[in-house]
């Protein structure tokens, strides 16, 4: 999304809200005509709203929010800043933290490691969360942390756990209320990068570990593909990836 120089903060807010409505509509598989029928609002007006040009009244905001199965509060949360959080997704070894920190620095934003926030909230390490409480508890914490971060920080760059796509509701929320970047790589590249970081756990006592990694990537790829920006990092250094992403997202 690109903003016209000199537009007011209110104009930017309308662009943010309009984009959120459009993305919710698209993810529900609704055409503008179908949304018009459901909401009782004209198709032409919806097109203007989605373009950030509509004079959006409260009554129409509530009607559109209900029609795209969200709330008016969620549609306007953080919209006053006229910006979206940037969320990096992908498997371990994708470079989410390395690239995310560099992009945050280039764009003058704050960087947050979502898993670190989860550990801080729970008072437990990730390993303890999974061993003591299981996957479902981690997903619950991730859902709560991401919603808080998105609501409070339009200037954020976030490195998000690769398993976020496992929780469809949380991932759809991320897609709607942030700009999502998938750092893509070949399975062998993910594998080698994790080992290069000194983490040999993936291969210990598990000869099928690499095949399992390939299977996980195959299952998650259809969800990762929904990202706003996809960058194949297989043959690119972190600095090159960070520059490529920064240029692409300079105005989001």
Protein backbone atom coordinates (compact mmCIF):
# COMPACT_ATOMS: atom_id res chain seq x y z
CA UNK A 1 0.00 0.00 0.00
CA UNK A 2 1.36 3.43 -0.90
CA UNK A 3 0.23 6.69 0.64
CA UNK A 4 0.10 9.99 -1.23
CA UNK A 5 2.51 12.50 0.28
CA UNK A 6 0.79 15.08 2.40
CA UNK A 7 -2.38 13.17 3.21
CA UNK A 8 -3.71 13.67 6.71
CA UNK A 9 -3.48 11.10 9.49
CA UNK A 10 -7.27 10.74 9.23
CA UNK A 11 -6.94 9.89 5.56
CA UNK A 12 -4.34 7.26 6.42
CA UNK A 13 -6.66 5.85 9.06
CA UNK A 14 -9.40 5.45 6.46
CA UNK A 15 -6.93 3.63 4.21
CA UNK A 16 -6.05 1.25 7.03
CA UNK A 17 -9.70 0.52 7.89
CA UNK A 18 -10.59 0.12 4.22
CA UNK A 19 -7.78 -2.33 3.68
CA UNK A 20 -8.85 -4.37 6.68
CA UNK A 21 -12.42 -4.59 5.38
CA UNK A 22 -11.19 -5.65 1.94
CA UNK A 23 -8.91 -8.33 3.35
CA UNK A 24 -11.64 -9.72 5.60
CA UNK A 25 -14.04 -9.77 2.64
CA UNK A 26 -11.54 -11.55 0.39
CA UNK A 27 -10.69 -14.14 3.00
CA UNK A 28 -14.37 -14.90 3.45
CA UNK A 29 -14.61 -15.40 -0.31
CA UNK A 30 -17.11 -12.56 -0.75
CA UNK A 31 -17.29 -10.35 -3.80
CA UNK A 32 -18.13 -6.66 -3.30
CA UNK A 33 -21.58 -7.35 -4.68
CA UNK A 34 -22.14 -10.14 -2.15
CA UNK A 35 -20.91 -7.93 0.70
CA UNK A 36 -23.28 -5.21 -0.49
CA UNK A 37 -26.20 -7.65 -0.32
CA UNK A 38 -25.25 -8.88 3.15
CA UNK A 39 -24.56 -5.45 4.64
CA UNK A 40 -27.25 -3.43 2.87
CA UNK A 41 -24.60 -0.96 1.71
CA UNK A 42 -24.11 -0.14 -1.95
CA UNK A 43 -21.33 -1.86 -3.88
CA UNK A 44 -20.03 1.53 -5.05
CA UNK A 45 -19.77 2.82 -1.49
CA UNK A 46 -17.93 -0.34 -0.39
CA UNK A 47 -15.44 0.15 -3.23
CA UNK A 48 -14.80 3.70 -2.01
CA UNK A 49 -14.37 2.54 1.59
CA UNK A 50 -11.91 -0.18 0.59
CA UNK A 51 -9.91 2.41 -1.34
CA UNK A 52 -9.77 4.63 1.74
CA UNK A 53 -11.98 7.26 0.12
CA UNK A 54 -15.34 6.69 1.79
CA UNK A 55 -16.82 9.05 4.37
CA UNK A 56 -17.32 6.17 6.77
CA UNK A 57 -20.14 6.69 9.25
CA UNK A 58 -20.40 4.71 12.49
CA UNK A 59 -23.55 2.92 11.36
CA UNK A 60 -21.91 1.76 8.13
CA UNK A 61 -18.72 0.79 9.98
CA UNK A 62 -20.71 -1.44 12.35
CA UNK A 63 -22.70 -2.93 9.46
CA UNK A 64 -19.57 -3.74 7.46
CA UNK A 65 -17.76 -5.12 10.50
CA UNK A 66 -20.63 -7.50 11.25
CA UNK A 67 -20.84 -8.55 7.61
CA UNK A 68 -17.14 -9.51 7.48
CA UNK A 69 -17.41 -11.29 10.85
CA UNK A 70 -15.38 -8.97 12.99
CA UNK A 71 -16.02 -5.96 15.21
CA UNK A 72 -15.78 -2.24 14.60
CA UNK A 73 -13.27 -2.09 17.45
CA UNK A 74 -10.94 -4.52 15.67
CA UNK A 75 -11.26 -2.69 12.36
CA UNK A 76 -10.16 0.61 13.87
CA UNK A 77 -7.63 -0.71 16.42
CA UNK A 78 -4.36 1.16 15.92
CA UNK A 79 -5.59 2.67 12.65
CA UNK A 80 -4.87 6.22 13.85
CA UNK A 81 -1.19 5.60 13.10
CA UNK A 82 -1.92 4.92 9.45
CA UNK A 83 0.45 1.96 9.45
CA UNK A 84 0.46 -1.81 9.79
CA UNK A 85 2.73 -3.99 11.89
CA UNK A 86 5.06 -6.09 9.75
CA UNK A 87 5.10 -9.81 10.59
CA UNK A 88 7.74 -12.24 9.36
CA UNK A 89 6.66 -15.88 9.07
CA UNK A 90 8.37 -19.07 7.93
CA UNK A 91 10.09 -22.18 9.25
CA UNK A 92 13.04 -22.13 11.61
CA UNK A 93 16.13 -21.05 9.76
CA UNK A 94 14.21 -18.70 7.48
CA UNK A 95 16.01 -15.69 8.97
CA UNK A 96 12.96 -14.07 10.57
CA UNK A 97 14.87 -12.62 13.51
CA UNK A 98 18.01 -11.66 11.60
CA UNK A 99 16.15 -10.03 8.72
CA UNK A 100 13.42 -8.64 10.98
CA UNK A 101 15.90 -6.72 13.14
CA UNK A 102 17.59 -5.22 10.08
CA UNK A 103 14.30 -4.24 8.48
CA UNK A 104 13.16 -2.63 11.73
CA UNK A 105 16.37 -0.62 11.84
CA UNK A 106 16.03 0.48 8.21
CA UNK A 107 12.40 1.53 8.64
CA UNK A 108 12.79 3.11 12.07
CA UNK A 109 10.48 0.61 13.75
CA UNK A 110 10.61 -1.52 16.88
CA UNK A 111 11.52 -5.20 16.61
CA UNK A 112 9.79 -7.86 18.69
CA UNK A 113 10.48 -11.59 18.92
CA UNK A 114 7.01 -13.03 19.54
CA UNK A 115 8.32 -16.20 21.21
CA UNK A 116 10.33 -14.05 23.65
CA UNK A 117 7.12 -12.17 24.49
CA UNK A 118 5.36 -15.50 25.07
CA UNK A 119 8.12 -16.57 27.44
CA UNK A 120 7.88 -13.27 29.31
CA UNK A 121 4.10 -13.51 29.69
CA UNK A 122 4.14 -17.13 30.84
CA UNK A 123 7.29 -16.98 32.94
CA UNK A 124 8.40 -20.20 31.23
CA UNK A 125 10.83 -21.14 28.48
CA UNK A 126 9.33 -22.42 25.25
CA UNK A 127 10.64 -25.90 26.04
CA UNK A 128 8.87 -25.81 29.42
CA UNK A 129 5.64 -24.53 27.89
CA UNK A 130 5.51 -27.49 25.52
CA UNK A 131 6.66 -30.11 28.02
CA UNK A 132 4.42 -28.94 30.88
CA UNK A 133 1.33 -27.67 29.11
CA UNK A 134 1.49 -28.79 25.49
CA UNK A 135 0.93 -27.33 22.05
CA UNK A 136 -2.58 -26.02 22.69
CA UNK A 137 -1.39 -23.83 25.58
CA UNK A 138 1.38 -22.39 23.43
CA UNK A 139 -1.15 -21.59 20.69
CA UNK A 140 -3.36 -19.84 23.24
CA UNK A 141 -0.48 -17.71 24.52
CA UNK A 142 0.61 -16.89 20.97
CA UNK A 143 -2.94 -15.82 20.08
CA UNK A 144 -3.15 -13.48 23.08
CA UNK A 145 0.32 -12.02 22.60
CA UNK A 146 -0.15 -11.38 18.87
CA UNK A 147 -3.50 -9.67 19.35
CA UNK A 148 -2.01 -7.40 22.01
CA UNK A 149 1.04 -6.56 19.90
CA UNK A 150 -1.06 -5.82 16.82
CA UNK A 151 -3.42 -3.59 18.77
CA UNK A 152 -0.68 -1.69 20.59
CA UNK A 153 2.04 -1.42 17.97
CA UNK A 154 1.45 -0.29 14.40
CA UNK A 155 5.18 0.53 14.20
CA UNK A 156 6.29 -3.02 15.05
CA UNK A 157 8.30 -5.54 13.09
CA UNK A 158 7.58 -9.01 14.48
CA UNK A 159 9.28 -12.38 14.08
CA UNK A 160 6.43 -14.87 14.48
CA UNK A 161 6.75 -18.57 15.29
CA UNK A 162 6.53 -20.73 12.19
CA UNK A 163 3.67 -22.75 13.66
CA UNK A 164 1.32 -19.75 13.69
CA UNK A 165 -0.37 -21.20 10.59
CA UNK A 166 -1.47 -24.15 12.70
CA UNK A 167 -3.97 -21.85 14.45
CA UNK A 168 -6.14 -20.73 11.54
CA UNK A 169 -7.99 -18.05 13.51
CA UNK A 170 -4.76 -16.46 14.74
CA UNK A 171 -3.16 -16.57 11.31
CA UNK A 172 -6.21 -15.01 9.66
CA UNK A 173 -6.09 -12.23 12.28
CA UNK A 174 -2.40 -11.71 11.49
CA UNK A 175 -3.13 -11.54 7.75
CA UNK A 176 -5.93 -9.03 8.27
CA UNK A 177 -4.26 -6.68 10.71
CA UNK A 178 -0.60 -6.75 9.70
CA UNK A 179 1.58 -6.92 6.61
CA UNK A 180 2.84 -10.50 6.45
CA UNK A 181 6.18 -11.45 4.88
CA UNK A 182 7.03 -15.08 4.20
CA UNK A 183 10.75 -15.75 4.14
CA UNK A 184 10.84 -18.80 1.93
CA UNK A 185 13.73 -21.25 1.47
CA UNK A 186 14.41 -24.78 0.33
CA UNK A 187 14.15 -27.44 3.08
CA UNK A 188 17.90 -28.15 2.98
CA UNK A 189 18.62 -24.46 3.52
CA UNK A 190 16.37 -24.35 6.60
CA UNK A 191 18.10 -27.47 7.89
CA UNK A 192 21.64 -26.20 7.32
CA UNK A 193 20.92 -22.80 8.88
CA UNK A 194 19.55 -24.35 12.07
CA UNK A 195 22.61 -26.60 12.35
CA UNK A 196 24.92 -23.65 11.64
CA UNK A 197 23.39 -21.91 14.65
CA UNK A 198 24.65 -24.80 16.78
CA UNK A 199 21.26 -26.44 17.27
CA UNK A 200 21.65 -30.16 16.69
CA UNK A 201 18.37 -31.11 18.37
CA UNK A 202 16.47 -31.65 15.09
CA UNK A 203 18.65 -34.64 14.17
CA UNK A 204 19.32 -36.21 17.56
CA UNK A 205 17.88 -39.75 17.81
CA UNK A 206 15.60 -39.02 14.86
CA UNK A 207 16.82 -40.27 11.46
CA UNK A 208 13.58 -39.08 9.87
CA UNK A 209 13.99 -35.49 11.07
CA UNK A 210 14.82 -34.03 7.64
CA UNK A 211 11.90 -35.82 5.98
CA UNK A 212 9.66 -34.51 8.73
CA UNK A 213 10.88 -30.98 8.07
CA UNK A 214 10.03 -31.35 4.39
CA UNK A 215 6.58 -32.65 5.30
CA UNK A 216 5.93 -29.72 7.66
CA UNK A 217 6.95 -27.22 5.00
CA UNK A 218 4.70 -28.88 2.43
CA UNK A 219 1.71 -28.73 4.79
CA UNK A 220 2.31 -25.12 5.76
CA UNK A 221 3.18 -23.73 2.34
CA UNK A 222 -0.44 -23.13 1.22
CA UNK A 223 -0.91 -20.90 4.28
CA UNK A 224 2.44 -19.13 4.02
CA UNK A 225 1.57 -18.30 0.40
CA UNK A 226 -1.20 -16.01 1.64
CA UNK A 227 1.45 -13.53 2.82
CA UNK A 228 1.51 -10.03 1.35
CA UNK A 229 5.13 -10.45 0.32
CA UNK A 230 7.09 -13.64 -0.42
CA UNK A 231 10.88 -13.52 -0.59
CA UNK A 232 12.88 -16.61 -1.54
CA UNK A 233 15.99 -16.41 0.64
CA UNK A 234 17.58 -19.63 -0.61
CA UNK A 235 20.47 -17.91 -2.39
CA UNK A 236 20.36 -14.49 -0.72
CA UNK A 237 22.36 -13.07 2.18
CA UNK A 238 20.44 -11.53 5.11
CA UNK A 239 21.49 -7.97 4.18
CA UNK A 240 20.16 -8.39 0.64
CA UNK A 241 16.88 -9.82 1.90
CA UNK A 242 16.49 -6.99 4.43
CA UNK A 243 17.07 -4.37 1.77
CA UNK A 244 14.63 -6.04 -0.61
CA UNK A 245 11.92 -6.21 2.06
CA UNK A 246 12.56 -2.66 3.29
CA UNK A 247 12.20 -1.20 -0.18
CA UNK A 248 9.00 -3.15 -0.79
CA UNK A 249 7.43 -2.19 2.55
CA UNK A 250 8.71 1.34 3.01
CA UNK A 251 5.18 2.80 2.94
CA UNK A 252 3.04 0.19 4.69
